[in-house]
């Protein structure tokens, strides 16, 4: 009977050791889960910040695109108006025609203004609209 009590005590001791080991493992696992949750919360916060920055950048890009579209419309309107003035004939028309030809050949705005007797602003506009590599006024006409 004593040997049975010894075996039971040994089994109880082994069970207590196993239970202690299991409790330690559960505590370590719980700590890892807590740390992982904290990291996830940090990642979620960072993700939210990135998303907000992205939304801001997107809105800014849309605004810039709209602004660029308006500028392109204005530039096209100015080009058409300048072409109308140049095509109108008369003294002003021939001066602008000459200015456009000079711009297409790469002349500087100052030279165009002096030669064609137009203002510096008008010469700058002619160079902007009809200078080399400027689309429809690139020397093909």
N, C-alpha and C. Protein backbone atom coordinates (compact mmCIF):
# COMPACT_ATOMS: atom_id res chain seq x y z
N UNK A 1 0.80 -1.16 0.00
CA UNK A 1 0.00 0.00 0.00
C UNK A 1 0.87 1.26 0.00
N UNK A 2 1.99 1.22 0.63
CA UNK A 2 2.88 2.37 0.66
C UNK A 2 3.41 2.66 -0.74
N UNK A 3 3.65 1.58 -1.47
CA UNK A 3 4.15 1.84 -2.82
C UNK A 3 3.09 2.51 -3.69
N UNK A 4 1.80 2.23 -3.43
CA UNK A 4 0.70 2.84 -4.18
C UNK A 4 0.63 4.34 -3.84
N UNK A 5 0.82 4.64 -2.57
CA UNK A 5 0.82 6.05 -2.16
C UNK A 5 2.01 6.75 -2.79
N UNK A 6 3.15 6.09 -2.86
CA UNK A 6 4.34 6.68 -3.50
C UNK A 6 4.09 6.94 -4.98
N UNK A 7 3.45 6.00 -5.65
CA UNK A 7 3.16 6.18 -7.09
C UNK A 7 2.17 7.32 -7.27
N UNK A 8 1.15 7.38 -6.41
CA UNK A 8 0.17 8.45 -6.52
C UNK A 8 0.80 9.82 -6.26
N UNK A 9 1.70 9.86 -5.28
CA UNK A 9 2.38 11.13 -4.99
C UNK A 9 3.28 11.54 -6.16
N UNK A 10 3.96 10.57 -6.74
CA UNK A 10 4.80 10.86 -7.91
C UNK A 10 3.95 11.35 -9.07
N UNK A 11 2.80 10.69 -9.27
CA UNK A 11 1.90 11.10 -10.34
C UNK A 11 1.36 12.50 -10.08
N UNK A 12 1.03 12.79 -8.83
CA UNK A 12 0.54 14.11 -8.46
C UNK A 12 1.62 15.17 -8.69
N UNK A 13 2.85 14.85 -8.32
CA UNK A 13 3.96 15.78 -8.52
C UNK A 13 4.15 16.03 -10.02
N UNK A 14 4.10 14.96 -10.80
CA UNK A 14 4.26 15.11 -12.25
C UNK A 14 3.13 15.95 -12.82
N UNK A 15 1.90 15.75 -12.33
CA UNK A 15 0.75 16.51 -12.80
C UNK A 15 0.91 17.99 -12.44
N UNK A 16 1.42 18.26 -11.22
CA UNK A 16 1.62 19.65 -10.81
C UNK A 16 2.70 20.32 -11.66
N UNK A 17 3.78 19.58 -11.94
CA UNK A 17 4.84 20.14 -12.79
C UNK A 17 4.27 20.43 -14.19
N UNK A 18 3.52 19.46 -14.73
CA UNK A 18 2.93 19.65 -16.06
C UNK A 18 1.96 20.83 -16.06
N UNK A 19 1.17 20.95 -14.99
CA UNK A 19 0.22 22.05 -14.90
C UNK A 19 0.96 23.39 -14.81
N UNK A 20 2.03 23.44 -14.03
CA UNK A 20 2.84 24.66 -13.92
C UNK A 20 3.44 25.04 -15.27
N UNK A 21 3.95 24.03 -15.98
CA UNK A 21 4.52 24.26 -17.30
C UNK A 21 3.44 24.79 -18.26
N UNK A 22 2.25 24.20 -18.19
CA UNK A 22 1.15 24.62 -19.06
C UNK A 22 0.72 26.05 -18.73
N UNK A 23 0.65 26.38 -17.47
CA UNK A 23 0.28 27.74 -17.06
C UNK A 23 1.31 28.74 -17.58
N UNK A 24 2.60 28.40 -17.46
CA UNK A 24 3.67 29.28 -17.95
C UNK A 24 3.53 29.48 -19.45
N UNK A 25 3.27 28.40 -20.19
CA UNK A 25 3.11 28.48 -21.65
C UNK A 25 1.91 29.35 -22.02
N UNK A 26 0.82 29.19 -21.29
CA UNK A 26 -0.38 29.98 -21.56
C UNK A 26 -0.10 31.46 -21.29
N UNK A 27 0.62 31.76 -20.21
CA UNK A 27 0.95 33.15 -19.90
C UNK A 27 1.84 33.76 -20.99
N UNK A 28 2.84 32.99 -21.44
CA UNK A 28 3.72 33.48 -22.51
C UNK A 28 2.93 33.72 -23.80
N UNK A 29 2.05 32.79 -24.11
CA UNK A 29 1.22 32.92 -25.32
C UNK A 29 0.31 34.14 -25.20
N UNK A 30 -0.27 34.33 -24.02
CA UNK A 30 -1.15 35.48 -23.80
C UNK A 30 -0.36 36.78 -23.97
N UNK A 31 0.87 36.83 -23.49
CA UNK A 31 1.72 38.02 -23.64
C UNK A 31 2.03 38.26 -25.12
N UNK A 32 2.32 37.20 -25.85
CA UNK A 32 2.59 37.34 -27.29
C UNK A 32 1.35 37.86 -28.02
N UNK A 33 0.19 37.34 -27.66
CA UNK A 33 -1.05 37.80 -28.27
C UNK A 33 -1.26 39.28 -27.98
N UNK A 34 -1.03 39.69 -26.73
CA UNK A 34 -1.19 41.10 -26.34
C UNK A 34 -0.26 41.98 -27.15
N UNK A 35 1.02 41.56 -27.30
CA UNK A 35 1.99 42.33 -28.07
C UNK A 35 1.58 42.40 -29.54
N UNK A 36 1.09 41.29 -30.07
CA UNK A 36 0.65 41.27 -31.47
C UNK A 36 -0.54 42.21 -31.66
N UNK A 37 -1.46 42.23 -30.70
CA UNK A 37 -2.60 43.13 -30.79
C UNK A 37 -2.14 44.59 -30.77
N UNK A 38 -1.15 44.90 -29.91
CA UNK A 38 -0.62 46.26 -29.86
C UNK A 38 0.01 46.64 -31.20
N UNK A 39 0.77 45.70 -31.78
CA UNK A 39 1.39 45.97 -33.08
C UNK A 39 0.31 46.20 -34.14
N UNK A 40 -0.74 45.39 -34.10
CA UNK A 40 -1.84 45.55 -35.07
C UNK A 40 -2.52 46.90 -34.91
N UNK A 41 -2.71 47.33 -33.67
CA UNK A 41 -3.31 48.65 -33.44
C UNK A 41 -2.42 49.74 -34.02
N UNK A 42 -1.11 49.60 -33.84
CA UNK A 42 -0.17 50.56 -34.41
C UNK A 42 -0.20 50.55 -35.93
N UNK A 43 -0.29 49.35 -36.49
CA UNK A 43 -0.37 49.22 -37.95
C UNK A 43 -1.66 49.84 -38.47
N UNK A 44 -2.75 49.60 -37.77
CA UNK A 44 -4.03 50.18 -38.18
C UNK A 44 -3.98 51.70 -38.13
N UNK A 45 -3.38 52.24 -37.08
CA UNK A 45 -3.27 53.70 -36.97
C UNK A 45 -2.41 54.25 -38.10
N UNK A 46 -1.30 53.58 -38.39
CA UNK A 46 -0.43 54.02 -39.48
C UNK A 46 -1.15 53.91 -40.81
N UNK A 47 -1.90 52.85 -41.00
CA UNK A 47 -2.66 52.67 -42.23
C UNK A 47 -3.68 53.79 -42.40
N UNK A 48 -4.35 54.15 -41.31
CA UNK A 48 -5.32 55.25 -41.37
C UNK A 48 -4.62 56.55 -41.76
N UNK A 49 -3.44 56.81 -41.17
CA UNK A 49 -2.69 58.02 -41.50
C UNK A 49 -2.29 58.03 -42.97
N UNK A 50 -1.80 56.90 -43.45
CA UNK A 50 -1.40 56.81 -44.85
C UNK A 50 -2.60 57.04 -45.76
N UNK A 51 -3.72 56.46 -45.41
CA UNK A 51 -4.94 56.63 -46.20
C UNK A 51 -5.35 58.10 -46.24
N UNK A 52 -5.28 58.77 -45.10
CA UNK A 52 -5.64 60.19 -45.06
C UNK A 52 -4.68 61.01 -45.92
N UNK A 53 -3.38 60.71 -45.84
CA UNK A 53 -2.40 61.42 -46.68
C UNK A 53 -2.69 61.17 -48.16
N UNK A 54 -3.00 59.92 -48.49
CA UNK A 54 -3.31 59.57 -49.87
C UNK A 54 -4.53 60.33 -50.35
N UNK A 55 -5.56 60.40 -49.51
CA UNK A 55 -6.77 61.15 -49.90
C UNK A 55 -6.44 62.62 -50.14
N UNK A 56 -5.62 63.19 -49.26
CA UNK A 56 -5.22 64.59 -49.44
C UNK A 56 -4.44 64.80 -50.73
N UNK A 57 -3.50 63.89 -51.00
CA UNK A 57 -2.73 64.00 -52.23
C UNK A 57 -3.62 63.83 -53.46
N UNK A 58 -4.56 62.91 -53.38
CA UNK A 58 -5.47 62.68 -54.50
C UNK A 58 -6.31 63.93 -54.77
N UNK A 59 -6.82 64.52 -53.72
CA UNK A 59 -7.63 65.73 -53.88
C UNK A 59 -6.78 66.84 -54.48
N UNK A 60 -5.54 66.96 -54.02
CA UNK A 60 -4.64 67.97 -54.58
C UNK A 60 -4.34 67.71 -56.04
N UNK A 61 -4.15 66.46 -56.40
CA UNK A 61 -3.87 66.11 -57.80
C UNK A 61 -5.07 66.44 -58.68
N UNK A 62 -6.26 66.15 -58.19
CA UNK A 62 -7.47 66.48 -58.95
C UNK A 62 -7.55 67.99 -59.15
N UNK A 63 -7.30 68.74 -58.10
CA UNK A 63 -7.33 70.20 -58.20
C UNK A 63 -6.30 70.71 -59.20
N UNK A 64 -5.11 70.14 -59.16
CA UNK A 64 -4.07 70.56 -60.10
C UNK A 64 -4.45 70.19 -61.53
N UNK A 65 -5.07 69.03 -61.70
CA UNK A 65 -5.52 68.62 -63.03
C UNK A 65 -6.56 69.58 -63.59
N UNK A 66 -7.50 69.96 -62.74
CA UNK A 66 -8.53 70.92 -63.17
C UNK A 66 -7.90 72.26 -63.51
N UNK A 67 -6.95 72.70 -62.71
CA UNK A 67 -6.26 73.96 -62.97
C UNK A 67 -5.51 73.89 -64.29
N UNK A 68 -4.82 72.79 -64.53
CA UNK A 68 -4.09 72.60 -65.77
C UNK A 68 -5.04 72.59 -66.97
N UNK A 69 -6.18 71.96 -66.84
CA UNK A 69 -7.17 71.94 -67.92
C UNK A 69 -7.64 73.36 -68.24
N UNK A 70 -7.89 74.17 -67.20
CA UNK A 70 -8.30 75.56 -67.44
C UNK A 70 -7.19 76.34 -68.14
N UNK A 71 -5.95 76.12 -67.71
CA UNK A 71 -4.84 76.83 -68.36
C UNK A 71 -4.72 76.43 -69.82
N UNK A 72 -4.90 75.14 -70.12
CA UNK A 72 -4.82 74.68 -71.50
C UNK A 72 -5.95 75.29 -72.34
N UNK A 73 -7.14 75.41 -71.75
CA UNK A 73 -8.25 76.04 -72.47
C UNK A 73 -7.94 77.50 -72.76
N UNK A 74 -7.39 78.19 -71.76
CA UNK A 74 -7.03 79.60 -71.95
C UNK A 74 -5.95 79.74 -73.01
N UNK A 75 -4.98 78.85 -72.98
CA UNK A 75 -3.90 78.91 -73.97
C UNK A 75 -4.45 78.68 -75.38
N UNK A 76 -5.36 77.72 -75.53
CA UNK A 76 -5.97 77.46 -76.84
C UNK A 76 -6.77 78.68 -77.30
N UNK A 77 -7.50 79.28 -76.36
CA UNK A 77 -8.28 80.48 -76.70
C UNK A 77 -7.36 81.62 -77.14
N UNK A 78 -6.26 81.82 -76.43
CA UNK A 78 -5.30 82.87 -76.80
C UNK A 78 -4.66 82.58 -78.15
N UNK A 79 -4.36 81.31 -78.41
CA UNK A 79 -3.77 80.94 -79.70
C UNK A 79 -4.75 81.26 -80.84
N UNK A 80 -6.03 80.88 -80.63
CA UNK A 80 -7.03 81.17 -81.67
C UNK A 80 -7.17 82.67 -81.88
N UNK A 81 -7.19 83.42 -80.78
CA UNK A 81 -7.33 84.88 -80.89
C UNK A 81 -6.13 85.49 -81.61
N UNK A 82 -4.95 85.03 -81.29
CA UNK A 82 -3.76 85.55 -81.95
C UNK A 82 -3.77 85.21 -83.43
N UNK A 83 -4.22 84.01 -83.76
CA UNK A 83 -4.33 83.62 -85.17
C UNK A 83 -5.37 84.50 -85.88
N UNK A 84 -6.48 84.82 -85.17
CA UNK A 84 -7.49 85.69 -85.76
C UNK A 84 -6.92 87.08 -86.04
N UNK A 85 -6.18 87.59 -85.07
CA UNK A 85 -5.57 88.92 -85.24
C UNK A 85 -4.59 88.88 -86.40
N UNK A 86 -3.80 87.82 -86.47
CA UNK A 86 -2.81 87.72 -87.54
C UNK A 86 -3.49 87.57 -88.89
N UNK A 87 -4.61 86.85 -88.94
CA UNK A 87 -5.31 86.62 -90.20
C UNK A 87 -6.16 87.82 -90.61
N UNK A 88 -6.38 88.76 -89.71
CA UNK A 88 -7.25 89.90 -90.01
C UNK A 88 -6.66 90.81 -91.07
N UNK A 89 -5.38 90.67 -91.33
CA UNK A 89 -4.74 91.49 -92.36
C UNK A 89 -4.40 92.86 -91.82
N UNK A 90 -4.14 93.78 -92.72
CA UNK A 90 -3.79 95.13 -92.31
C UNK A 90 -2.42 95.17 -91.68
N UNK A 91 -2.08 96.31 -91.14
CA UNK A 91 -0.76 96.50 -90.57
C UNK A 91 -0.53 95.59 -89.38
N UNK A 92 -1.51 95.54 -88.47
CA UNK A 92 -1.36 94.69 -87.29
C UNK A 92 -1.23 93.23 -87.70
N UNK A 93 -2.06 92.80 -88.66
CA UNK A 93 -2.03 91.41 -89.10
C UNK A 93 -0.69 91.02 -89.68
N UNK A 94 -0.13 91.87 -90.51
CA UNK A 94 1.16 91.53 -91.12
C UNK A 94 2.27 91.53 -90.08
N UNK A 95 2.17 92.42 -89.09
CA UNK A 95 3.18 92.41 -88.02
C UNK A 95 3.11 91.10 -87.24
N UNK A 96 1.88 90.67 -86.92
CA UNK A 96 1.74 89.42 -86.17
C UNK A 96 2.13 88.21 -87.02
N UNK A 97 1.80 88.25 -88.32
CA UNK A 97 2.23 87.15 -89.19
C UNK A 97 3.75 87.05 -89.20
N UNK A 98 4.40 88.21 -89.32
CA UNK A 98 5.87 88.21 -89.31
C UNK A 98 6.38 87.71 -87.96
N UNK A 99 5.74 88.15 -86.88
CA UNK A 99 6.16 87.72 -85.54
C UNK A 99 6.00 86.21 -85.38
N UNK A 100 4.91 85.66 -85.89
CA UNK A 100 4.68 84.21 -85.80
C UNK A 100 5.74 83.47 -86.59
N UNK A 101 6.04 83.96 -87.82
CA UNK A 101 7.08 83.30 -88.62
C UNK A 101 8.42 83.32 -87.89
N UNK A 102 8.75 84.47 -87.29
CA UNK A 102 10.03 84.58 -86.56
C UNK A 102 10.05 83.63 -85.36
N UNK A 103 8.92 83.55 -84.64
CA UNK A 103 8.85 82.67 -83.46
C UNK A 103 9.03 81.22 -83.89
N UNK A 104 8.41 80.83 -84.99
CA UNK A 104 8.52 79.46 -85.47
C UNK A 104 9.96 79.12 -85.87
N UNK A 105 10.70 80.15 -86.26
CA UNK A 105 12.11 79.94 -86.63
C UNK A 105 13.03 80.02 -85.41
N UNK A 106 12.48 80.30 -84.25
CA UNK A 106 13.27 80.29 -83.02
C UNK A 106 13.77 81.64 -82.56
N UNK A 107 13.24 82.73 -83.11
CA UNK A 107 13.68 84.07 -82.70
C UNK A 107 13.25 84.34 -81.26
N UNK A 108 14.04 85.15 -80.57
CA UNK A 108 13.74 85.52 -79.19
C UNK A 108 12.64 86.57 -79.16
N UNK A 109 11.89 86.62 -78.07
CA UNK A 109 10.78 87.56 -77.94
C UNK A 109 11.25 89.01 -78.08
N UNK A 110 12.40 89.33 -77.50
CA UNK A 110 12.91 90.72 -77.59
C UNK A 110 13.16 91.11 -79.04
N UNK A 111 13.75 90.20 -79.81
CA UNK A 111 14.03 90.46 -81.23
C UNK A 111 12.73 90.63 -82.01
N UNK A 112 11.74 89.77 -81.69
CA UNK A 112 10.45 89.86 -82.37
C UNK A 112 9.77 91.19 -82.05
N UNK A 113 9.80 91.59 -80.79
CA UNK A 113 9.18 92.86 -80.40
C UNK A 113 9.82 94.03 -81.13
N UNK A 114 11.14 94.04 -81.21
CA UNK A 114 11.84 95.14 -81.88
C UNK A 114 11.58 95.14 -83.39
N UNK A 115 11.66 93.99 -84.01
CA UNK A 115 11.53 93.88 -85.47
C UNK A 115 10.10 94.17 -85.92
N UNK A 116 9.14 93.62 -85.22
CA UNK A 116 7.74 93.70 -85.65
C UNK A 116 7.00 94.89 -85.04
N UNK A 117 7.67 95.62 -84.19
CA UNK A 117 7.09 96.78 -83.52
C UNK A 117 5.81 96.41 -82.77
N UNK A 118 5.93 95.35 -81.97
CA UNK A 118 4.85 94.96 -81.07
C UNK A 118 5.38 95.02 -79.65
N UNK A 119 4.47 94.97 -78.69
CA UNK A 119 4.92 95.08 -77.30
C UNK A 119 5.66 93.80 -76.88
N UNK A 120 6.43 93.94 -75.80
CA UNK A 120 7.17 92.77 -75.29
C UNK A 120 6.20 91.68 -74.84
N UNK A 121 5.07 92.07 -74.25
CA UNK A 121 4.08 91.10 -73.81
C UNK A 121 3.52 90.35 -75.01
N UNK A 122 3.22 91.08 -76.08
CA UNK A 122 2.71 90.43 -77.29
C UNK A 122 3.75 89.50 -77.88
N UNK A 123 5.01 89.92 -77.90
CA UNK A 123 6.08 89.08 -78.43
C UNK A 123 6.26 87.83 -77.57
N UNK A 124 6.19 88.00 -76.25
CA UNK A 124 6.29 86.82 -75.36
C UNK A 124 5.17 85.83 -75.64
N UNK A 125 3.96 86.36 -75.85
CA UNK A 125 2.82 85.50 -76.14
C UNK A 125 3.00 84.78 -77.48
N UNK A 126 3.48 85.49 -78.48
CA UNK A 126 3.72 84.86 -79.79
C UNK A 126 4.74 83.73 -79.65
N UNK A 127 5.80 83.96 -78.91
CA UNK A 127 6.83 82.92 -78.72
C UNK A 127 6.23 81.75 -77.93
N UNK A 128 5.44 82.05 -76.92
CA UNK A 128 4.81 80.99 -76.13
C UNK A 128 3.90 80.13 -76.99
N UNK A 129 3.12 80.77 -77.84
CA UNK A 129 2.14 80.03 -78.63
C UNK A 129 2.70 79.43 -79.91
N UNK A 130 3.72 80.06 -80.49
CA UNK A 130 4.18 79.63 -81.81
C UNK A 130 5.66 79.29 -81.88
N UNK A 131 6.34 79.31 -80.74
CA UNK A 131 7.76 78.98 -80.74
C UNK A 131 8.00 77.53 -81.16
N UNK A 132 9.24 77.16 -81.39
CA UNK A 132 9.57 75.80 -81.84
C UNK A 132 8.98 74.74 -80.90
N UNK A 133 8.39 73.70 -81.49
CA UNK A 133 7.85 72.59 -80.72
C UNK A 133 6.57 72.91 -79.99
N UNK A 134 5.81 73.90 -80.46
CA UNK A 134 4.58 74.32 -79.77
C UNK A 134 3.32 73.83 -80.49
N UNK A 135 3.28 72.55 -80.81
CA UNK A 135 2.05 71.96 -81.34
C UNK A 135 1.75 72.42 -82.75
N UNK A 136 0.54 73.06 -82.94
CA UNK A 136 0.08 73.38 -84.28
C UNK A 136 0.92 74.45 -84.94
N UNK A 137 1.69 75.21 -84.19
CA UNK A 137 2.54 76.23 -84.78
C UNK A 137 3.97 75.83 -84.79
N UNK A 138 4.29 74.60 -85.13
CA UNK A 138 5.66 74.11 -85.02
C UNK A 138 6.44 74.18 -86.33
N UNK A 139 6.03 75.08 -87.21
CA UNK A 139 6.79 75.27 -88.42
C UNK A 139 6.23 74.52 -89.61
N UNK A 140 5.08 73.89 -89.46
CA UNK A 140 4.52 73.11 -90.56
C UNK A 140 3.52 73.94 -91.36
N UNK A 141 3.46 75.24 -91.17
CA UNK A 141 2.45 76.01 -91.88
C UNK A 141 2.90 77.31 -92.26
